[in-house]
PDB file of all heavy atoms in Angstrom:
ATOM      1  N   PRO A   1    -114.684  11.156 291.065  1.00  0.00           N
ATOM      2  CA  PRO A   1    -115.845  11.787 290.426  1.00  0.00           C
ATOM      3  C   PRO A   1    -115.791  13.296 290.622  1.00  0.00           C
ATOM      4  O   PRO A   1    -114.933  13.820 291.350  1.00  0.00           O
ATOM      5  CB  PRO A   1    -117.024  11.175 291.176  1.00  0.00           C
ATOM      6  CG  PRO A   1    -116.481  10.886 292.542  1.00  0.00           C
ATOM      7  CD  PRO A   1    -115.030  10.507 292.331  1.00  0.00           C
ATOM      8  N   ASP A   2    -116.707  14.028 289.960  1.00  0.00           N
ATOM      9  CA  ASP A   2    -116.739  15.487 290.120  1.00  0.00           C
ATOM     10  C   ASP A   2    -116.985  15.877 291.571  1.00  0.00           C
ATOM     11  O   ASP A   2    -116.435  16.874 292.054  1.00  0.00           O
ATOM     12  CB  ASP A   2    -117.824  16.082 289.220  1.00  0.00           C
ATOM     13  CG  ASP A   2    -117.454  15.999 287.753  1.00  0.00           C
ATOM     14  OD1 ASP A   2    -116.237  15.990 287.456  1.00  0.00           O
ATOM     15  OD2 ASP A   2    -118.349  15.919 286.902  1.00  0.00           O
ATOM     16  N   ASN A   3    -117.811  15.106 292.261  1.00  0.00           N
ATOM     17  CA  ASN A   3    -118.029  15.320 293.694  1.00  0.00           C
ATOM     18  C   ASN A   3    -117.148  14.334 294.449  1.00  0.00           C
ATOM     19  O   ASN A   3    -117.446  13.144 294.524  1.00  0.00           O
ATOM     20  CB  ASN A   3    -119.501  15.103 294.047  1.00  0.00           C
ATOM     21  CG  ASN A   3    -119.788  15.366 295.523  1.00  0.00           C
ATOM     22  OD1 ASN A   3    -118.901  15.777 296.275  1.00  0.00           O
ATOM     23  ND2 ASN A   3    -121.019  15.128 295.935  1.00  0.00           N
ATOM     24  N   ILE A   4    -116.044  14.824 295.019  1.00  0.00           N
ATOM     25  CA  ILE A   4    -115.084  13.916 295.642  1.00  0.00           C
ATOM     26  C   ILE A   4    -115.651  13.234 296.881  1.00  0.00           C
ATOM     27  O   ILE A   4    -115.087  12.224 297.341  1.00  0.00           O
ATOM     28  CB  ILE A   4    -113.772  14.647 295.997  1.00  0.00           C
ATOM     29  CG1 ILE A   4    -114.014  15.738 297.053  1.00  0.00           C
ATOM     30  CG2 ILE A   4    -113.120  15.233 294.763  1.00  0.00           C
ATOM     31  CD1 ILE A   4    -112.722  16.304 297.620  1.00  0.00           C
ATOM     32  N   ASN A   5    -116.773  13.732 297.422  1.00  0.00           N
ATOM     33  CA  ASN A   5    -117.397  13.062 298.558  1.00  0.00           C
ATOM     34  C   ASN A   5    -117.973  11.712 298.164  1.00  0.00           C
ATOM     35  O   ASN A   5    -118.240  10.864 299.019  1.00  0.00           O
ATOM     36  CB  ASN A   5    -118.511  13.933 299.147  1.00  0.00           C
ATOM     37  CG  ASN A   5    -117.959  15.147 299.887  1.00  0.00           C
ATOM     38  OD1 ASN A   5    -116.786  15.180 300.269  1.00  0.00           O
ATOM     39  ND2 ASN A   5    -118.785  16.165 300.071  1.00  0.00           N
ATOM     40  N   ASP A   6    -118.170  11.495 296.872  1.00  0.00           N
ATOM     41  CA  ASP A   6    -118.693  10.220 296.391  1.00  0.00           C
ATOM     42  C   ASP A   6    -117.587   9.303 295.879  1.00  0.00           C
ATOM     43  O   ASP A   6    -117.866   8.225 295.354  1.00  0.00           O
ATOM     44  CB  ASP A   6    -119.695  10.465 295.240  1.00  0.00           C
ATOM     45  CG  ASP A   6    -120.890  11.292 295.688  1.00  0.00           C
ATOM     46  OD1 ASP A   6    -121.222  11.247 296.886  1.00  0.00           O
ATOM     47  OD2 ASP A   6    -121.474  11.995 294.839  1.00  0.00           O
ATOM     48  N   GLY A   7    -116.319   9.730 295.990  1.00  0.00           N
ATOM     49  CA  GLY A   7    -115.221   8.959 295.427  1.00  0.00           C
ATOM     50  C   GLY A   7    -114.329   8.320 296.464  1.00  0.00           C
ATOM     51  O   GLY A   7    -114.700   8.182 297.640  1.00  0.00           O
ATOM     52  N   ARG A   8    -113.148   7.913 296.036  1.00  0.00           N
ATOM     53  CA  ARG A   8    -112.153   7.305 296.930  1.00  0.00           C
ATOM     54  C   ARG A   8    -110.779   7.912 296.622  1.00  0.00           C
ATOM     55  O   ARG A   8    -109.877   7.246 296.130  1.00  0.00           O
ATOM     56  CB  ARG A   8    -112.110   5.792 296.741  1.00  0.00           C
ATOM     57  CG  ARG A   8    -113.327   5.048 297.253  1.00  0.00           C
ATOM     58  CD  ARG A   8    -113.513   5.223 298.772  1.00  0.00           C
ATOM     59  NE  ARG A   8    -112.339   4.871 299.523  1.00  0.00           N
ATOM     60  CZ  ARG A   8    -112.086   3.634 299.979  1.00  0.00           C
ATOM     61  NH1 ARG A   8    -112.945   2.658 299.726  1.00  0.00           N
ATOM     62  NH2 ARG A   8    -111.008   3.382 300.689  1.00  0.00           N
ATOM     63  N   MET A   9    -110.650   9.201 296.906  1.00  0.00           N
ATOM     64  CA  MET A   9    -109.384   9.876 296.643  1.00  0.00           C
ATOM     65  C   MET A   9    -108.254   9.281 297.472  1.00  0.00           C
ATOM     66  O   MET A   9    -107.081   9.374 297.088  1.00  0.00           O
ATOM     67  CB  MET A   9    -109.511  11.375 296.923  1.00  0.00           C
ATOM     68  CG  MET A   9    -108.349  12.205 296.369  1.00  0.00           C
ATOM     69  SD  MET A   9    -108.386  13.932 296.886  1.00  0.00           S
ATOM     70  CE  MET A   9    -109.840  14.490 296.001  1.00  0.00           C
ATOM     71  N   ASP A  10    -108.581   8.647 298.595  1.00  0.00           N
ATOM     72  CA  ASP A  10    -107.537   8.021 299.397  1.00  0.00           C
ATOM     73  C   ASP A  10    -106.827   6.928 298.612  1.00  0.00           C
ATOM     74  O   ASP A  10    -105.609   6.745 298.736  1.00  0.00           O
ATOM     75  CB  ASP A  10    -108.101   7.462 300.701  1.00  0.00           C
ATOM     76  CG  ASP A  10    -109.265   6.507 300.475  1.00  0.00           C
ATOM     77  OD1 ASP A  10    -109.925   6.593 299.415  1.00  0.00           O
ATOM     78  OD2 ASP A  10    -109.530   5.676 301.363  1.00  0.00           O
ATOM     79  N   ASN A  11    -107.581   6.209 297.757  1.00  0.00           N
ATOM     80  CA  ASN A  11    -106.954   5.186 296.921  1.00  0.00           C
ATOM     81  C   ASN A  11    -105.993   5.787 295.893  1.00  0.00           C
ATOM     82  O   ASN A  11    -104.999   5.168 295.516  1.00  0.00           O
ATOM     83  CB  ASN A  11    -108.026   4.360 296.200  1.00  0.00           C
ATOM     84  CG  ASN A  11    -108.770   3.439 297.137  1.00  0.00           C
ATOM     85  OD1 ASN A  11    -108.303   3.156 298.249  1.00  0.00           O
ATOM     86  ND2 ASN A  11    -109.933   2.974 296.722  1.00  0.00           N
ATOM     87  N   VAL A  12    -106.302   7.018 295.433  1.00  0.00           N
ATOM     88  CA  VAL A  12    -105.406   7.699 294.500  1.00  0.00           C
ATOM     89  C   VAL A  12    -104.073   7.985 295.183  1.00  0.00           C
ATOM     90  O   VAL A  12    -102.994   7.792 294.599  1.00  0.00           O
ATOM     91  CB  VAL A  12    -106.035   9.004 293.975  1.00  0.00           C
ATOM     92  CG1 VAL A  12    -105.076   9.721 293.031  1.00  0.00           C
ATOM     93  CG2 VAL A  12    -107.356   8.717 293.277  1.00  0.00           C
ATOM     94  N   PHE A  13    -104.134   8.433 296.430  1.00  0.00           N
ATOM     95  CA  PHE A  13    -102.901   8.703 297.171  1.00  0.00           C
ATOM     96  C   PHE A  13    -102.124   7.415 297.441  1.00  0.00           C
ATOM     97  O   PHE A  13    -100.884   7.411 297.396  1.00  0.00           O
ATOM     98  CB  PHE A  13    -103.217   9.426 298.478  1.00  0.00           C
ATOM     99  CG  PHE A  13    -103.664  10.854 298.294  1.00  0.00           C
ATOM    100  CD1 PHE A  13    -104.860  11.303 298.853  1.00  0.00           C
ATOM    101  CD2 PHE A  13    -102.904  11.740 297.563  1.00  0.00           C
ATOM    102  CE1 PHE A  13    -105.275  12.616 298.689  1.00  0.00           C
ATOM    103  CE2 PHE A  13    -103.306  13.061 297.393  1.00  0.00           C
ATOM    104  CZ  PHE A  13    -104.500  13.489 297.957  1.00  0.00           C
ATOM    105  N   TRP A  14    -102.844   6.309 297.737  1.00  0.00           N
ATOM    106  CA  TRP A  14    -102.144   5.039 297.931  1.00  0.00           C
ATOM    107  C   TRP A  14    -101.484   4.600 296.623  1.00  0.00           C
ATOM    108  O   TRP A  14    -100.387   4.033 296.638  1.00  0.00           O
ATOM    109  CB  TRP A  14    -103.113   3.961 298.425  1.00  0.00           C
ATOM    110  CG  TRP A  14    -103.534   4.113 299.856  1.00  0.00           C
ATOM    111  CD1 TRP A  14    -104.807   4.225 300.347  1.00  0.00           C
ATOM    112  CD2 TRP A  14    -102.675   4.156 301.009  1.00  0.00           C
ATOM    113  NE1 TRP A  14    -104.804   4.345 301.726  1.00  0.00           N
ATOM    114  CE2 TRP A  14    -103.501   4.306 302.151  1.00  0.00           C
ATOM    115  CE3 TRP A  14    -101.302   4.093 301.191  1.00  0.00           C
ATOM    116  CZ2 TRP A  14    -102.996   4.379 303.448  1.00  0.00           C
ATOM    117  CZ3 TRP A  14    -100.775   4.179 302.478  1.00  0.00           C
ATOM    118  CH2 TRP A  14    -101.625   4.323 303.578  1.00  0.00           C
ATOM    119  N   LEU A  15    -102.143   4.866 295.496  1.00  0.00           N
ATOM    120  CA  LEU A  15    -101.543   4.562 294.198  1.00  0.00           C
ATOM    121  C   LEU A  15    -100.251   5.345 294.011  1.00  0.00           C
ATOM    122  O   LEU A  15     -99.241   4.813 293.520  1.00  0.00           O
ATOM    123  CB  LEU A  15    -102.534   4.872 293.077  1.00  0.00           C
ATOM    124  CG  LEU A  15    -102.007   4.724 291.640  1.00  0.00           C
ATOM    125  CD1 LEU A  15    -101.608   3.276 291.354  1.00  0.00           C
ATOM    126  CD2 LEU A  15    -103.058   5.197 290.631  1.00  0.00           C
ATOM    127  N   CYS A  16    -100.270   6.616 294.419  1.00  0.00           N
ATOM    128  CA  CYS A  16     -99.050   7.434 294.344  1.00  0.00           C
ATOM    129  C   CYS A  16     -97.951   6.864 295.230  1.00  0.00           C
ATOM    130  O   CYS A  16     -96.761   6.906 294.867  1.00  0.00           O
ATOM    131  CB  CYS A  16     -99.360   8.875 294.761  1.00  0.00           C
ATOM    132  SG  CYS A  16    -100.333   9.818 293.557  1.00  0.00           S
ATOM    133  N   CYS A  17     -98.343   6.306 296.384  1.00  0.00           N
ATOM    134  CA  CYS A  17     -97.366   5.668 297.276  1.00  0.00           C
ATOM    135  C   CYS A  17     -96.696   4.484 296.592  1.00  0.00           C
ATOM    136  O   CYS A  17     -95.471   4.312 296.667  1.00  0.00           O
ATOM    137  CB  CYS A  17     -98.058   5.177 298.546  1.00  0.00           C
ATOM    138  SG  CYS A  17     -98.123   6.384 299.856  1.00  0.00           S
ATOM    139  N   VAL A  18     -97.504   3.658 295.931  1.00  0.00           N
ATOM    140  CA  VAL A  18     -96.967   2.475 295.250  1.00  0.00           C
ATOM    141  C   VAL A  18     -96.028   2.894 294.127  1.00  0.00           C
ATOM    142  O   VAL A  18     -94.909   2.374 293.991  1.00  0.00           O
ATOM    143  CB  VAL A  18     -98.120   1.602 294.705  1.00  0.00           C
ATOM    144  CG1 VAL A  18     -97.566   0.471 293.849  1.00  0.00           C
ATOM    145  CG2 VAL A  18     -98.950   1.035 295.849  1.00  0.00           C
ATOM    146  N   LEU A  19     -96.471   3.852 293.302  1.00  0.00           N
ATOM    147  CA  LEU A  19     -95.628   4.325 292.210  1.00  0.00           C
ATOM    148  C   LEU A  19     -94.352   4.976 292.743  1.00  0.00           C
ATOM    149  O   LEU A  19     -93.261   4.781 292.190  1.00  0.00           O
ATOM    150  CB  LEU A  19     -96.411   5.327 291.349  1.00  0.00           C
ATOM    151  CG  LEU A  19     -97.604   4.775 290.568  1.00  0.00           C
ATOM    152  CD1 LEU A  19     -98.335   5.910 289.843  1.00  0.00           C
ATOM    153  CD2 LEU A  19     -97.148   3.723 289.563  1.00  0.00           C
ATOM    154  N   GLY A  20     -94.491   5.752 293.823  1.00  0.00           N
ATOM    155  CA  GLY A  20     -93.328   6.398 294.418  1.00  0.00           C
ATOM    156  C   GLY A  20     -92.336   5.401 294.992  1.00  0.00           C
ATOM    157  O   GLY A  20     -91.122   5.583 294.878  1.00  0.00           O
ATOM    158  N   SER A  21     -92.855   4.325 295.602  1.00  0.00           N
ATOM    159  CA  SER A  21     -91.977   3.295 296.166  1.00  0.00           C
ATOM    160  C   SER A  21     -91.217   2.569 295.065  1.00  0.00           C
ATOM    161  O   SER A  21     -90.012   2.306 295.190  1.00  0.00           O
ATOM    162  CB  SER A  21     -92.801   2.297 296.989  1.00  0.00           C
ATOM    163  OG  SER A  21     -93.446   2.944 298.067  1.00  0.00           O
ATOM    164  N   ALA A  22     -91.924   2.241 293.973  1.00  0.00           N
ATOM    165  CA  ALA A  22     -91.253   1.594 292.836  1.00  0.00           C
ATOM    166  C   ALA A  22     -90.198   2.519 292.241  1.00  0.00           C
ATOM    167  O   ALA A  22     -89.091   2.078 291.886  1.00  0.00           O
ATOM    168  CB  ALA A  22     -92.285   1.205 291.783  1.00  0.00           C
ATOM    169  N   ASN A  23     -90.532   3.802 292.154  1.00  0.00           N
ATOM    170  CA  ASN A  23     -89.582   4.778 291.624  1.00  0.00           C
ATOM    171  C   ASN A  23     -88.366   4.908 292.542  1.00  0.00           C
ATOM    172  O   ASN A  23     -87.231   5.073 292.074  1.00  0.00           O
ATOM    173  CB  ASN A  23     -90.283   6.139 291.479  1.00  0.00           C
ATOM    174  CG  ASN A  23     -89.408   7.182 290.806  1.00  0.00           C
ATOM    175  OD1 ASN A  23     -88.796   6.926 289.781  1.00  0.00           O
ATOM    176  ND2 ASN A  23     -89.331   8.362 291.403  1.00  0.00           N
ATOM    177  N   PHE A  24     -88.581   4.811 293.857  1.00  0.00           N
ATOM    178  CA  PHE A  24     -87.478   4.912 294.812  1.00  0.00           C
ATOM    179  C   PHE A  24     -86.528   3.719 294.677  1.00  0.00           C
ATOM    180  O   PHE A  24     -85.302   3.882 294.731  1.00  0.00           O
ATOM    181  CB  PHE A  24     -88.022   4.998 296.234  1.00  0.00           C
ATOM    182  CG  PHE A  24     -86.955   5.075 297.291  1.00  0.00           C
ATOM    183  CD1 PHE A  24     -85.995   6.071 297.267  1.00  0.00           C
ATOM    184  CD2 PHE A  24     -86.911   4.133 298.315  1.00  0.00           C
ATOM    185  CE1 PHE A  24     -85.006   6.151 298.242  1.00  0.00           C
ATOM    186  CE2 PHE A  24     -85.934   4.208 299.290  1.00  0.00           C
ATOM    187  CZ  PHE A  24     -84.982   5.213 299.256  1.00  0.00           C
ATOM    188  N   ILE A  25     -87.085   2.529 294.487  1.00  0.00           N
ATOM    189  CA  ILE A  25     -86.238   1.346 294.282  1.00  0.00           C
ATOM    190  C   ILE A  25     -85.412   1.512 293.009  1.00  0.00           C
ATOM    191  O   ILE A  25     -84.209   1.220 292.978  1.00  0.00           O
ATOM    192  CB  ILE A  25     -87.109   0.079 294.213  1.00  0.00           C
ATOM    193  CG1 ILE A  25     -87.787  -0.164 295.576  1.00  0.00           C
ATOM    194  CG2 ILE A  25     -86.274  -1.135 293.810  1.00  0.00           C
ATOM    195  CD1 ILE A  25     -88.812  -1.270 295.560  1.00  0.00           C
ATOM    196  N   TYR A  26     -86.076   1.989 291.952  1.00  0.00           N
ATOM    197  CA  TYR A  26     -85.378   2.275 290.690  1.00  0.00           C
ATOM    198  C   TYR A  26     -84.251   3.279 290.929  1.00  0.00           C
ATOM    199  O   TYR A  26     -83.127   3.103 290.441  1.00  0.00           O
ATOM    200  CB  TYR A  26     -86.400   2.820 289.684  1.00  0.00           C
ATOM    201  CG  TYR A  26     -85.820   3.527 288.484  1.00  0.00           C
ATOM    202  CD1 TYR A  26     -85.458   2.825 287.335  1.00  0.00           C
ATOM    203  CD2 TYR A  26     -85.659   4.914 288.475  1.00  0.00           C
ATOM    204  CE1 TYR A  26     -84.934   3.471 286.225  1.00  0.00           C
ATOM    205  CE2 TYR A  26     -85.134   5.569 287.366  1.00  0.00           C
ATOM    206  CZ  TYR A  26     -84.780   4.852 286.252  1.00  0.00           C
ATOM    207  OH  TYR A  26     -84.258   5.498 285.161  1.00  0.00           O
ATOM    208  N   TYR A  27     -84.539   4.335 291.710  1.00  0.00           N
ATOM    209  CA  TYR A  27     -83.535   5.363 291.998  1.00  0.00           C
ATOM    210  C   TYR A  27     -82.362   4.779 292.779  1.00  0.00           C
ATOM    211  O   TYR A  27     -81.196   5.098 292.493  1.00  0.00           O
ATOM    212  CB  TYR A  27     -84.168   6.502 292.793  1.00  0.00           C
ATOM    213  CG  TYR A  27     -83.181   7.538 293.272  1.00  0.00           C
ATOM    214  CD1 TYR A  27     -82.717   8.533 292.426  1.00  0.00           C
ATOM    215  CD2 TYR A  27     -82.683   7.499 294.580  1.00  0.00           C
ATOM    216  CE1 TYR A  27     -81.791   9.467 292.853  1.00  0.00           C
ATOM    217  CE2 TYR A  27     -81.754   8.431 295.021  1.00  0.00           C
ATOM    218  CZ  TYR A  27     -81.318   9.415 294.155  1.00  0.00           C
ATOM    219  OH  TYR A  27     -80.392  10.328 294.581  1.00  0.00           O
ATOM    220  N   LEU A  28     -82.654   3.913 293.766  1.00  0.00           N
ATOM    221  CA  LEU A  28     -81.587   3.324 294.563  1.00  0.00           C
ATOM    222  C   LEU A  28     -80.639   2.502 293.697  1.00  0.00           C
ATOM    223  O   LEU A  28     -79.413   2.536 293.882  1.00  0.00           O
ATOM    224  CB  LEU A  28     -82.183   2.428 295.657  1.00  0.00           C
ATOM    225  CG  LEU A  28     -82.802   3.124 296.862  1.00  0.00           C
ATOM    226  CD1 LEU A  28     -83.370   2.089 297.832  1.00  0.00           C
ATOM    227  CD2 LEU A  28     -81.783   4.008 297.582  1.00  0.00           C
ATOM    228  N   VAL A  29     -81.202   1.761 292.741  1.00  0.00           N
ATOM    229  CA  VAL A  29     -80.369   0.925 291.872  1.00  0.00           C
ATOM    230  C   VAL A  29     -79.398   1.783 291.074  1.00  0.00           C
ATOM    231  O   VAL A  29     -78.176   1.551 291.071  1.00  0.00           O
ATOM    232  CB  VAL A  29     -81.251   0.081 290.923  1.00  0.00           C
ATOM    233  CG1 VAL A  29     -80.390  -0.626 289.879  1.00  0.00           C
ATOM    234  CG2 VAL A  29     -82.056  -0.940 291.722  1.00  0.00           C
ATOM    235  N   PHE A  30     -79.912   2.813 290.408  1.00  0.00           N
ATOM    236  CA  PHE A  30     -79.055   3.606 289.525  1.00  0.00           C
ATOM    237  C   PHE A  30     -78.154   4.561 290.304  1.00  0.00           C
ATOM    238  O   PHE A  30     -77.034   4.847 289.864  1.00  0.00           O
ATOM    239  CB  PHE A  30     -79.911   4.369 288.510  1.00  0.00           C
ATOM    240  CG  PHE A  30     -80.420   3.499 287.400  1.00  0.00           C
ATOM    241  CD1 PHE A  30     -81.694   2.965 287.443  1.00  0.00           C
ATOM    242  CD2 PHE A  30     -79.605   3.195 286.324  1.00  0.00           C
ATOM    243  CE1 PHE A  30     -82.148   2.147 286.423  1.00  0.00           C
ATOM    244  CE2 PHE A  30     -80.048   2.373 285.295  1.00  0.00           C
ATOM    245  CZ  PHE A  30     -81.331   1.846 285.346  1.00  0.00           C
ATOM    246  N   SER A  31     -78.609   5.048 291.457  1.00  0.00           N
ATOM    247  CA  SER A  31     -77.734   5.933 292.239  1.00  0.00           C
ATOM    248  C   SER A  31     -76.575   5.148 292.852  1.00  0.00           C
ATOM    249  O   SER A  31     -75.472   5.688 293.015  1.00  0.00           O
ATOM    250  CB  SER A  31     -78.537   6.638 293.337  1.00  0.00           C
ATOM    251  OG  SER A  31     -79.096   5.704 294.249  1.00  0.00           O
ATOM    252  N   SER A  32     -76.806   3.862 293.195  1.00  0.00           N
ATOM    253  CA  SER A  32     -75.719   3.045 293.752  1.00  0.00           C
ATOM    254  C   SER A  32     -74.675   2.717 292.690  1.00  0.00           C
ATOM    255  O   SER A  32     -73.504   2.475 293.014  1.00  0.00           O
ATOM    256  CB  SER A  32     -76.286   1.755 294.348  1.00  0.00           C
ATOM    257  OG  SER A  32     -76.888   0.955 293.349  1.00  0.00           O
ATOM    258  N   LEU A  33     -75.084   2.702 291.425  1.00  0.00           N
ATOM    259  CA  LEU A  33     -74.161   2.403 290.327  1.00  0.00           C
ATOM    260  C   LEU A  33     -73.413   3.640 289.838  1.00  0.00           C
ATOM    261  O   LEU A  33     -72.400   3.516 289.154  1.00  0.00           O
ATOM    262  CB  LEU A  33     -74.915   1.773 289.146  1.00  0.00           C
ATOM    263  CG  LEU A  33     -75.581   0.417 289.404  1.00  0.00           C
ATOM    264  CD1 LEU A  33     -76.410   0.005 288.195  1.00  0.00           C
ATOM    265  CD2 LEU A  33     -74.534  -0.639 289.726  1.00  0.00           C
ATOM    266  N   TYR A  34     -73.917   4.818 290.192  1.00  0.00           N
ATOM    267  CA  TYR A  34     -73.345   6.051 289.645  1.00  0.00           C
ATOM    268  C   TYR A  34     -72.042   6.411 290.359  1.00  0.00           C
ATOM    269  O   TYR A  34     -71.933   6.330 291.582  1.00  0.00           O
ATOM    270  CB  TYR A  34     -74.326   7.213 289.778  1.00  0.00           C
ATOM    271  CG  TYR A  34     -73.838   8.469 289.085  1.00  0.00           C
ATOM    272  CD1 TYR A  34     -73.994   8.626 287.720  1.00  0.00           C
ATOM    273  CD2 TYR A  34     -73.188   9.469 289.798  1.00  0.00           C
ATOM    274  CE1 TYR A  34     -73.526   9.764 287.068  1.00  0.00           C
ATOM    275  CE2 TYR A  34     -72.719  10.606 289.162  1.00  0.00           C
ATOM    276  CZ  TYR A  34     -72.890  10.743 287.797  1.00  0.00           C
ATOM    277  OH  TYR A  34     -72.416  11.857 287.166  1.00  0.00           O
ATOM    278  N   LYS A  35     -71.046   6.811 289.584  1.00  0.00           N
ATOM    279  CA  LYS A  35     -69.764   7.262 290.118  1.00  0.00           C
ATOM    280  C   LYS A  35     -69.611   8.759 289.863  1.00  0.00           C
ATOM    281  O   LYS A  35     -69.679   9.206 288.720  1.00  0.00           O
ATOM    282  CB  LYS A  35     -68.600   6.514 289.446  1.00  0.00           C
ATOM    283  CG  LYS A  35     -68.666   4.994 289.577  1.00  0.00           C
ATOM    284  CD  LYS A  35     -68.555   4.554 291.027  1.00  0.00           C
ATOM    285  CE  LYS A  35     -68.562   3.033 291.125  1.00  0.00           C
ATOM    286  NZ  LYS A  35     -68.534   2.583 292.543  1.00  0.00           N
ATOM    287  N   TYR A  36     -69.422   9.527 290.940  1.00  0.00           N
ATOM    288  CA  TYR A  36     -69.250  10.971 290.794  1.00  0.00           C
ATOM    289  C   TYR A  36     -67.976  11.266 290.005  1.00  0.00           C
ATOM    290  O   TYR A  36     -66.956  10.600 290.175  1.00  0.00           O
ATOM    291  CB  TYR A  36     -69.143  11.650 292.159  1.00  0.00           C
ATOM    292  CG  TYR A  36     -70.409  11.665 292.966  1.00  0.00           C
ATOM    293  CD1 TYR A  36     -70.626  10.714 293.961  1.00  0.00           C
ATOM    294  CD2 TYR A  36     -71.386  12.626 292.762  1.00  0.00           C
ATOM    295  CE1 TYR A  36     -71.775  10.729 294.724  1.00  0.00           C
ATOM    296  CE2 TYR A  36     -72.541  12.652 293.516  1.00  0.00           C
ATOM    297  CZ  TYR A  36     -72.733  11.695 294.495  1.00  0.00           C
ATOM    298  OH  TYR A  36     -73.874  11.714 295.245  1.00  0.00           O
ATOM    299  N   LYS A  37     -68.055  12.292 289.173  1.00  0.00           N
ATOM    300  CA  LYS A  37     -66.841  12.727 288.475  1.00  0.00           C
ATOM    301  C   LYS A  37     -66.262  13.994 289.085  1.00  0.00           C
ATOM    302  O   LYS A  37     -65.104  14.323 288.864  1.00  0.00           O
ATOM    303  CB  LYS A  37     -67.126  12.955 286.988  1.00  0.00           C
ATOM    304  CG  LYS A  37     -68.034  14.129 286.673  1.00  0.00           C
ATOM    305  CD  LYS A  37     -68.141  14.331 285.175  1.00  0.00           C
ATOM    306  CE  LYS A  37     -68.963  15.571 284.853  1.00  0.00           C
ATOM    307  NZ  LYS A  37     -69.065  15.811 283.402  1.00  0.00           N
ATOM    308  N   ASN A  38     -67.074  14.747 289.847  1.00  0.00           N
ATOM    309  CA  ASN A  38     -66.621  15.997 290.478  1.00  0.00           C
ATOM    310  C   ASN A  38     -67.102  16.015 291.912  1.00  0.00           C
ATOM    311  O   ASN A  38     -68.099  16.637 292.223  1.00  0.00           O
ATOM    312  CB  ASN A  38     -67.157  17.232 289.745  1.00  0.00           C
ATOM    313  CG  ASN A  38     -66.695  17.300 288.313  1.00  0.00           C
ATOM    314  OD1 ASN A  38     -65.520  17.170 288.053  1.00  0.00           O
ATOM    315  ND2 ASN A  38     -67.619  17.496 287.384  1.00  0.00           N
ATOM    316  N   MET A  39     -66.425  15.306 292.793  1.00  0.00           N
ATOM    317  CA  MET A  39     -66.917  15.189 294.164  1.00  0.00           C
ATOM    318  C   MET A  39     -65.908  15.751 295.132  1.00  0.00           C
ATOM    319  O   MET A  39     -64.737  15.358 295.139  1.00  0.00           O
ATOM    320  CB  MET A  39     -67.181  13.714 294.500  1.00  0.00           C
ATOM    321  CG  MET A  39     -67.891  13.529 295.811  1.00  0.00           C
ATOM    322  SD  MET A  39     -69.566  14.200 295.748  1.00  0.00           S
ATOM    323  CE  MET A  39     -69.983  14.241 297.470  1.00  0.00           C
TER     324      MET A  39
END
């Protein structure tokens, strides 16, 4: 809400944690498949 004292911003951060964790799993899958061409 406009007044964050009446809201649950902590849940927004937990949502970011969930999205970030899913994104990290996605990253692990594709980074493990990637082969460097200039290493």
